[in-house]
Amino acid sequence: MNRKFQKLIIMLVTVTFVSGAVRASALLGEDWLIGKLFDTTLWYISRTPIDEMKELAEEGNAQAQYALGLSYYKGEKIGKNYAESLKWVRRAAEENGHAEAQLCLGYMYSEGIGTPLNYAEAARWYCRAAEKGIPEAQYNLAIMYDNGYGIRQNRAEALRWYRKSAEQGEPKAQYNLGVMYYNGEEVKQDYGEAATWYRKSAEHGYPKAQSSLGMMLILGEGVARNYDEGVKLLRSSARQGYPKAKEALETLGEKW
């Protein structure tokens, strides 16, 4: 065993194995979630005069209600107003069952935007959107089950929703599913399956997954040992600012 590999083993024992692989615990936030929701609705907002949008929303048009809510949220074509945003997003979610509005409403409750923070309400709306197949809602619902945010903690339910979201390509869900396989939480421990999900997430550029897969490749855990590929993934992770990847590269004497 060469000295670099010995040093990496020591680092992993003291940093990684002692604490175990750790799942992402934060809900998808504004940049990731609201930015995406807004971008997919921008075509409608940009082509619809605000007065027309308001009229259609008052008449019960779900797309107009949702778009008006996002317009108030972002201050697009109208003054930013979180209370009005919540009002119209809620109407689209409640009156018309608009799935993206339900996701957005869950987020607003989970962050206390336009309303007092209310994790129980957030979980309720994430659940409605998740059941309609929205992967971001499935991930956020899994996080709430995983951590007991506004709902009774249930790791088996967290696993179920991580898997549904991961199968639709949500990178953080793929990573968290990989962690559960790595640690053997609610599933039989399986390094090969962990590496599979880490790789799917890493291909989206998620730094935690790149770091975890990189270390598995260097150690040959669940995959054929490949030092060069492992270092390449660690570098990609480190350049996005992930500290564990930086620590690993420094221990190996590799530049990032």
Foldseek 3Di string as FASTA:
>chain_A
DDPLVVLLVVCCVVPDPVVAQDADQDADDCVRQLVVVCVVLVVVVVVDQLVRLVVVLVVPDLSSLQNNLSCLCVVPNHDNDQLSSLVSLVSSCPVPVDLSSLQVNLNCLCVVGNHHNAQLSSLVSLVSSVVVQDLSSLQNNLSCLCVVRSHPNDNLSSLVSLVSSVVVQDLSSLQNNLSCLCVVPNHRNANLSSLVSLVSSVVVVDLSSLQVNLSCLCVVGNHPNDNVSSLVSLVSSVVVPDVVSVVSCVSSVHDD
